[in-house]
C-alpha atoms as a PDB file:
ATOM      1  CA  SER A   1     -63.953 -56.337 -94.315  1.00  0.00           C
ATOM      2  CA  VAL A   2     -65.848 -55.960 -91.002  1.00  0.00           C
ATOM      3  CA  ALA A   3     -66.405 -59.314 -88.599  1.00  0.00           C
ATOM      4  CA  VAL A   4     -68.878 -60.528 -86.193  1.00  0.00           C
ATOM      5  CA  LEU A   5     -68.244 -63.571 -83.753  1.00  0.00           C
ATOM      6  CA  SER A   6     -70.597 -65.665 -81.918  1.00  0.00           C
ATOM      7  CA  SER A   7     -70.258 -68.830 -79.512  1.00  0.00           C
ATOM      8  CA  LEU A   8     -72.567 -71.484 -78.227  1.00  0.00           C
ATOM      9  CA  THR A   9     -72.426 -74.969 -76.457  1.00  0.00           C
ATOM     10  CA  LEU A  10     -74.566 -77.502 -78.236  1.00  0.00           C
ATOM     11  CA  LYS A  11     -75.755 -80.781 -77.473  1.00  0.00           C
ATOM     12  CA  THR A  12     -74.783 -82.753 -80.474  1.00  0.00           C
ATOM     13  CA  HIS A  13     -72.077 -84.687 -81.973  1.00  0.00           C
ATOM     14  CA  VAL A  14     -69.238 -82.352 -83.684  1.00  0.00           C
ATOM     15  CA  GLN A  15     -70.331 -84.521 -86.804  1.00  0.00           C
ATOM     16  CA  GLU A  16     -73.766 -83.221 -87.460  1.00  0.00           C
ATOM     17  CA  THR A  17     -72.965 -79.212 -88.068  1.00  0.00           C
ATOM     18  CA  ALA A  18     -71.066 -79.881 -90.987  1.00  0.00           C
ATOM     19  CA  GLU A  19     -73.435 -82.343 -92.347  1.00  0.00           C
ATOM     20  CA  ASN A  20     -75.766 -79.364 -93.128  1.00  0.00           C
ATOM     21  CA  SER A  21     -73.374 -78.291 -95.813  1.00  0.00           C
ATOM     22  CA  VAL A  22     -74.633 -81.712 -98.223  1.00  0.00           C
ATOM     23  CA  ASP A  23     -78.000 -81.996 -96.679  1.00  0.00           C
ATOM     24  CA  LEU A  24     -79.874 -80.160 -99.585  1.00  0.00           C
ATOM     25  CA  ALA A  25     -83.502 -80.907 -98.367  1.00  0.00           C
ATOM     26  CA  HIS A  26     -82.800 -79.385 -95.293  1.00  0.00           C
ATOM     27  CA  PHE A  27     -82.176 -76.135 -96.921  1.00  0.00           C
ATOM     28  CA  SER A  28     -85.708 -75.836 -98.440  1.00  0.00           C
ATOM     29  CA  GLN A  29     -87.656 -77.775 -95.220  1.00  0.00           C
ATOM     30  CA  VAL A  30     -85.781 -75.755 -92.414  1.00  0.00           C
ATOM     31  CA  HIS A  31     -84.694 -72.419 -93.780  1.00  0.00           C
ATOM     32  CA  GLY A  32     -87.274 -71.795 -96.657  1.00  0.00           C
ATOM     33  CA  TYR A  33     -84.443 -71.534 -99.134  1.00  0.00           C
ATOM     34  CA  GLN A  34     -86.301 -72.080-102.679  1.00  0.00           C
ATOM     35  CA  ASN A  35     -84.524 -73.372-106.180  1.00  0.00           C
ATOM     36  CA  VAL A  36     -81.783 -75.471-104.182  1.00  0.00           C
ATOM     37  CA  ALA A  37     -79.325 -76.841-106.738  1.00  0.00           C
ATOM     38  CA  VAL A  38     -76.119 -78.038-107.258  1.00  0.00           C
ATOM     39  CA  VAL A  39     -73.691 -75.505-108.414  1.00  0.00           C
ATOM     40  CA  LYS A  40     -70.570 -77.237-108.341  1.00  0.00           C
ATOM     41  CA  GLU A  41     -70.585 -81.339-107.091  1.00  0.00           C
ATOM     42  CA  ALA A  42     -69.435 -82.304-104.093  1.00  0.00           C
ATOM     43  CA  LYS A  43     -65.906 -83.604-103.815  1.00  0.00           C
ATOM     44  CA  THR A  44     -63.395 -84.871-101.121  1.00  0.00           C
ATOM     45  CA  ASN A  45     -59.930 -84.626-100.984  1.00  0.00           C
ATOM     46  CA  GLY A  46     -58.302 -86.211 -97.938  1.00  0.00           C
ATOM     47  CA  PRO A  47     -59.642 -83.991 -94.879  1.00  0.00           C
ATOM     48  CA  HIS A  48     -61.154 -81.358 -97.725  1.00  0.00           C
ATOM     49  CA  LEU A  49     -64.822 -81.629 -98.803  1.00  0.00           C
ATOM     50  CA  THR A  50     -66.116 -79.133-101.432  1.00  0.00           C
ATOM     51  CA  ILE A  51     -69.516 -78.072-102.551  1.00  0.00           C
ATOM     52  CA  ALA A  52     -71.279 -75.315-104.123  1.00  0.00           C
ATOM     53  CA  LEU A  53     -74.920 -74.683-104.011  1.00  0.00           C
ATOM     54  CA  GLY A  54     -77.344 -71.674-105.449  1.00  0.00           C
ATOM     55  CA  ALA A  55     -80.399 -70.996-103.848  1.00  0.00           C
ATOM     56  CA  THR A  56     -82.877 -68.030-103.508  1.00  0.00           C
ATOM     57  CA  ARG A  57     -84.735 -66.683-100.334  1.00  0.00           C
ATOM     58  CA  SER A  58     -87.208 -64.441 -99.219  1.00  0.00           C
ATOM     59  CA  LEU A  59     -86.001 -61.365 -97.457  1.00  0.00           C
ATOM     60  CA  ALA A  60     -88.942 -61.314 -95.258  1.00  0.00           C
ATOM     61  CA  SER A  61     -86.621 -62.319 -92.316  1.00  0.00           C
ATOM     62  CA  VAL A  62     -84.225 -59.635 -92.687  1.00  0.00           C
ATOM     63  CA  GLY A  63     -87.741 -57.113 -92.650  1.00  0.00           C
ATOM     64  CA  MET A  64     -87.311 -55.934 -96.991  1.00  0.00           C
ATOM     65  CA  ASP A  65     -89.627 -57.453 -99.511  1.00  0.00           C
ATOM     66  CA  GLY A  66     -88.836 -59.648-102.675  1.00  0.00           C
ATOM     67  CA  ASP A  67     -86.268 -62.626-103.110  1.00  0.00           C
ATOM     68  CA  VAL A  68     -82.338 -62.738-103.217  1.00  0.00           C
ATOM     69  CA  SER A  69     -80.270 -65.264-105.053  1.00  0.00           C
ATOM     70  CA  PHE A  70     -77.133 -66.941-103.254  1.00  0.00           C
ATOM     71  CA  ILE A  71     -74.406 -68.902-104.208  1.00  0.00           C
ATOM     72  CA  PHE A  72     -72.810 -70.597-101.280  1.00  0.00           C
ATOM     73  CA  ASP A  73     -69.209 -72.068-102.281  1.00  0.00           C
ATOM     74  CA  ILE A  74     -68.519 -74.351 -99.151  1.00  0.00           C
ATOM     75  CA  ASP A  75     -64.950 -75.787 -97.733  1.00  0.00           C
ATOM     76  CA  VAL A  76     -65.176 -78.203 -95.167  1.00  0.00           C
ATOM     77  CA  TRP A  77     -62.183 -79.393 -93.459  1.00  0.00           C
ATOM     78  CA  GLY A  78     -62.327 -81.951 -91.097  1.00  0.00           C
ATOM     79  CA  LEU A  79     -65.073 -82.087 -88.910  1.00  0.00           C
ATOM     80  CA  GLY A  80     -64.556 -78.886 -87.095  1.00  0.00           C
ATOM     81  CA  CYS A  81     -64.151 -76.250 -89.852  1.00  0.00           C
ATOM     82  CA  SER A  82     -66.488 -74.718 -92.549  1.00  0.00           C
ATOM     83  CA  ILE A  83     -65.833 -71.942 -94.444  1.00  0.00           C
ATOM     84  CA  VAL A  84     -68.911 -70.716 -96.572  1.00  0.00           C
ATOM     85  CA  ASN A  85     -68.244 -68.041 -99.139  1.00  0.00           C
ATOM     86  CA  VAL A  86     -71.372 -66.494 -99.836  1.00  0.00           C
ATOM     87  CA  GLU A  87     -72.256 -64.466-103.389  1.00  0.00           C
ATOM     88  CA  VAL A  88     -75.069 -61.991-103.047  1.00  0.00           C
ATOM     89  CA  LYS A  89     -75.143 -60.881-106.769  1.00  0.00           C
ATOM     90  CA  THR A  90     -78.315 -59.029-106.089  1.00  0.00           C
ATOM     91  CA  PHE A  91     -76.723 -56.741-103.642  1.00  0.00           C
ATOM     92  CA  GLY A  92     -73.320 -56.967-105.334  1.00  0.00           C
ATOM     93  CA  ILE A  93     -71.700 -58.402-102.182  1.00  0.00           C
ATOM     94  CA  SER A  94     -69.478 -61.086-101.160  1.00  0.00           C
ATOM     95  CA  SER A  95     -69.198 -62.377 -97.762  1.00  0.00           C
ATOM     96  CA  ARG A  96     -67.632 -65.380 -95.674  1.00  0.00           C
ATOM     97  CA  GLN A  97     -69.357 -67.082 -93.367  1.00  0.00           C
ATOM     98  CA  ILE A  98     -67.194 -69.657 -90.828  1.00  0.00           C
ATOM     99  CA  VAL A  99     -68.242 -72.221 -88.454  1.00  0.00           C
ATOM    100  CA  LEU A 100     -66.055 -73.680 -85.925  1.00  0.00           C
ATOM    101  CA  ALA A 101     -67.097 -77.210 -84.168  1.00  0.00           C
ATOM    102  CA  THR A 102     -64.985 -78.474 -81.198  1.00  0.00           C
ATOM    103  CA  PRO A 103     -66.239 -81.420 -79.806  1.00  0.00           C
ATOM    104  CA  VAL A 104     -66.352 -80.813 -75.786  1.00  0.00           C
ATOM    105  CA  ASP A 105     -67.285 -84.752 -75.446  1.00  0.00           C
ATOM    106  CA  ASP A 106     -69.359 -87.531 -77.340  1.00  0.00           C
ATOM    107  CA  ASP A 107     -72.245 -85.545 -77.476  1.00  0.00           C
ATOM    108  CA  THR A 108     -71.352 -81.838 -76.788  1.00  0.00           C
ATOM    109  CA  CYS A 109     -69.414 -79.321 -79.189  1.00  0.00           C
ATOM    110  CA  GLU A 110     -68.861 -75.580 -78.577  1.00  0.00           C
ATOM    111  CA  LEU A 111     -70.149 -73.881 -81.870  1.00  0.00           C
ATOM    112  CA  ARG A 112     -68.232 -70.576 -82.965  1.00  0.00           C
ATOM    113  CA  LEU A 113     -69.465 -68.848 -85.958  1.00  0.00           C
ATOM    114  CA  ALA A 114     -67.986 -65.765 -87.457  1.00  0.00           C
ATOM    115  CA  ALA A 115     -69.079 -63.657 -90.734  1.00  0.00           C
ATOM    116  CA  CYS A 116     -67.374 -60.843 -92.869  1.00  0.00           C
ATOM    117  CA  VAL A 117     -68.390 -59.113 -96.082  1.00  0.00           C
ATOM    118  CA  LYS A 118     -65.771 -57.658 -98.535  1.00  0.00           C
ATOM    119  CA  LYS A 119     -65.826 -53.916 -97.872  1.00  0.00           C
ATOM    120  CA  LEU A 120     -68.097 -51.789-100.159  1.00  0.00           C
ATOM    121  CA  PRO A 121     -67.226 -48.172-101.443  1.00  0.00           C
ATOM    122  CA  ASP A 122     -69.751 -47.153 -98.577  1.00  0.00           C
ATOM    123  CA  ASP A 123     -68.671 -47.643 -95.156  1.00  0.00           C
ATOM    124  CA  SER A 124     -72.223 -47.618 -93.808  1.00  0.00           C
ATOM    125  CA  ALA A 125     -73.156 -49.936 -96.770  1.00  0.00           C
ATOM    126  CA  THR A 126     -70.924 -52.437 -95.659  1.00  0.00           C
ATOM    127  CA  ALA A 127     -71.907 -52.640 -92.028  1.00  0.00           C
ATOM    128  CA  HIS A 128     -75.811 -53.000 -93.085  1.00  0.00           C
ATOM    129  CA  MET A 129     -74.826 -55.419 -95.568  1.00  0.00           C
ATOM    130  CA  LEU A 130     -73.114 -57.494 -92.955  1.00  0.00           C
ATOM    131  CA  GLU A 131     -76.215 -57.136 -90.100  1.00  0.00           C
ATOM    132  CA  MET A 132     -78.205 -58.668 -92.688  1.00  0.00           C
ATOM    133  CA  LEU A 133     -76.146 -61.253 -93.726  1.00  0.00           C
ATOM    134  CA  TRP A 134     -75.458 -62.364 -90.083  1.00  0.00           C
ATOM    135  CA  GLN A 135     -78.904 -62.022 -88.838  1.00  0.00           C
ATOM    136  CA  GLY A 136     -80.019 -64.577 -91.729  1.00  0.00           C
ATOM    137  CA  PHE A 137     -76.909 -66.697 -90.739  1.00  0.00           C
ATOM    138  CA  THR A 138     -77.709 -66.676 -86.893  1.00  0.00           C
ATOM    139  CA  GLN A 139     -80.904 -67.299 -88.127  1.00  0.00           C
ATOM    140  CA  ASP A 140     -80.611 -70.385 -89.744  1.00  0.00           C
ATOM    141  CA  VAL A 141     -78.502 -71.822 -87.093  1.00  0.00           C
ATOM    142  CA  ASN A 142     -81.176 -71.249 -84.600  1.00  0.00           C
ATOM    143  CA  GLN A 143     -83.375 -73.257 -86.942  1.00  0.00           C
ATOM    144  CA  ASP A 144     -81.210 -75.842 -86.675  1.00  0.00           C
ATOM    145  CA  ILE A 145     -80.050 -76.101 -83.133  1.00  0.00           C
ATOM    146  CA  PRO A 146     -83.072 -77.804 -82.054  1.00  0.00           C
ATOM    147  CA  ILE A 147     -82.804 -80.555 -84.744  1.00  0.00           C
ATOM    148  CA  TRP A 148     -79.255 -81.023 -83.930  1.00  0.00           C
ATOM    149  CA  GLU A 149     -79.965 -81.506 -80.178  1.00  0.00           C
ATOM    150  CA  ASN A 150     -82.848 -84.246 -80.936  1.00  0.00           C
ATOM    151  CA  LYS A 151     -81.734 -86.015 -83.953  1.00  0.00           C
ATOM    152  CA  THR A 152     -81.263 -89.403 -83.893  1.00  0.00           C
ATOM    153  CA  TYR A 153     -78.125 -90.496 -85.477  1.00  0.00           C
ATOM    154  CA  PHE A 154     -78.281 -93.506 -87.672  1.00  0.00           C
ATOM    155  CA  ASP A 155     -75.153 -94.902 -89.712  1.00  0.00           C
ATOM    156  CA  LYS A 156     -77.107 -95.784 -92.713  1.00  0.00           C
ATOM    157  CA  PRO A 157     -80.026 -93.102 -93.058  1.00  0.00           C
ATOM    158  CA  ALA A 158     -82.934 -93.863 -95.790  1.00  0.00           C
ATOM    159  CA  LEU A 159     -81.956 -91.076 -98.454  1.00  0.00           C
ATOM    160  CA  THR A 160     -83.422 -89.638-101.480  1.00  0.00           C
ATOM    161  CA  ILE A 161     -81.793 -87.877-104.604  1.00  0.00           C
ATOM    162  CA  GLU A 162     -83.385 -84.714-102.796  1.00  0.00           C
ATOM    163  CA  ASP A 163     -81.113 -85.103 -99.758  1.00  0.00           C
ATOM    164  CA  GLY A 164     -77.732 -84.341-101.609  1.00  0.00           C
ATOM    165  CA  PRO A 165     -74.413 -86.209-100.857  1.00  0.00           C
ATOM    166  CA  ILE A 166     -75.178 -87.232 -97.444  1.00  0.00           C
ATOM    167  CA  ALA A 167     -73.522 -91.007 -98.226  1.00  0.00           C
ATOM    168  CA  LEU A 168     -70.698 -89.141 -99.481  1.00  0.00           C
ATOM    169  CA  TYR A 169     -70.247 -87.220 -96.612  1.00  0.00           C
ATOM    170  CA  ARG A 170     -71.031 -90.226 -94.386  1.00  0.00           C
ATOM    171  CA  LYS A 171     -68.513 -92.094 -96.084  1.00  0.00           C
ATOM    172  CA  TRP A 172     -65.553 -89.071 -95.951  1.00  0.00           C
ATOM    173  CA  VAL A 173     -66.399 -88.628 -92.373  1.00  0.00           C
ATOM    174  CA  THR A 174     -64.848 -92.277 -91.554  1.00  0.00           C
ATOM    175  CA  GLN A 175     -61.343 -91.141 -91.822  1.00  0.00           C
ATOM    176  CA  PHE A 176     -61.352 -88.998 -88.727  1.00  0.00           C
ATOM    177  CA  TYR A 177     -62.625 -91.895 -86.658  1.00  0.00           C
END
């Protein structure tokens, strides 16, 4: 596999970045995903949270026509490590996105991003798929940044079923404080 890396500093609490993993409504409202559905219910086990989601998305953001379906199999380890295995059956590819959030202080975190794609038979196709996936991944993160940096935290937010298991996530993170 081939990897790409990025790092940025954000004015947000470290907890906010991983919360996106369970905020189902944000996938469609912020990122334009469609048909967002839970494929594997959210579960917690000590410092580990898992969930799997399915979704479709337009390929316009990467300069192509049509839609593509994804399965996101998400593992969150504590507040600082999210590993997202992405299956894109349309293209026959598997990739991994890694999000590492390190608190700098109560209101700032360093966010490190990495991605790799399972090697395809053709090296050029592998590089092209990684470039497309990285473009989509970083576009999503860039859409999240203004929200993270301007979000007001509520201990008990008003939630609907469409928001997903945010309440479960909020309960789970209390073990780290």
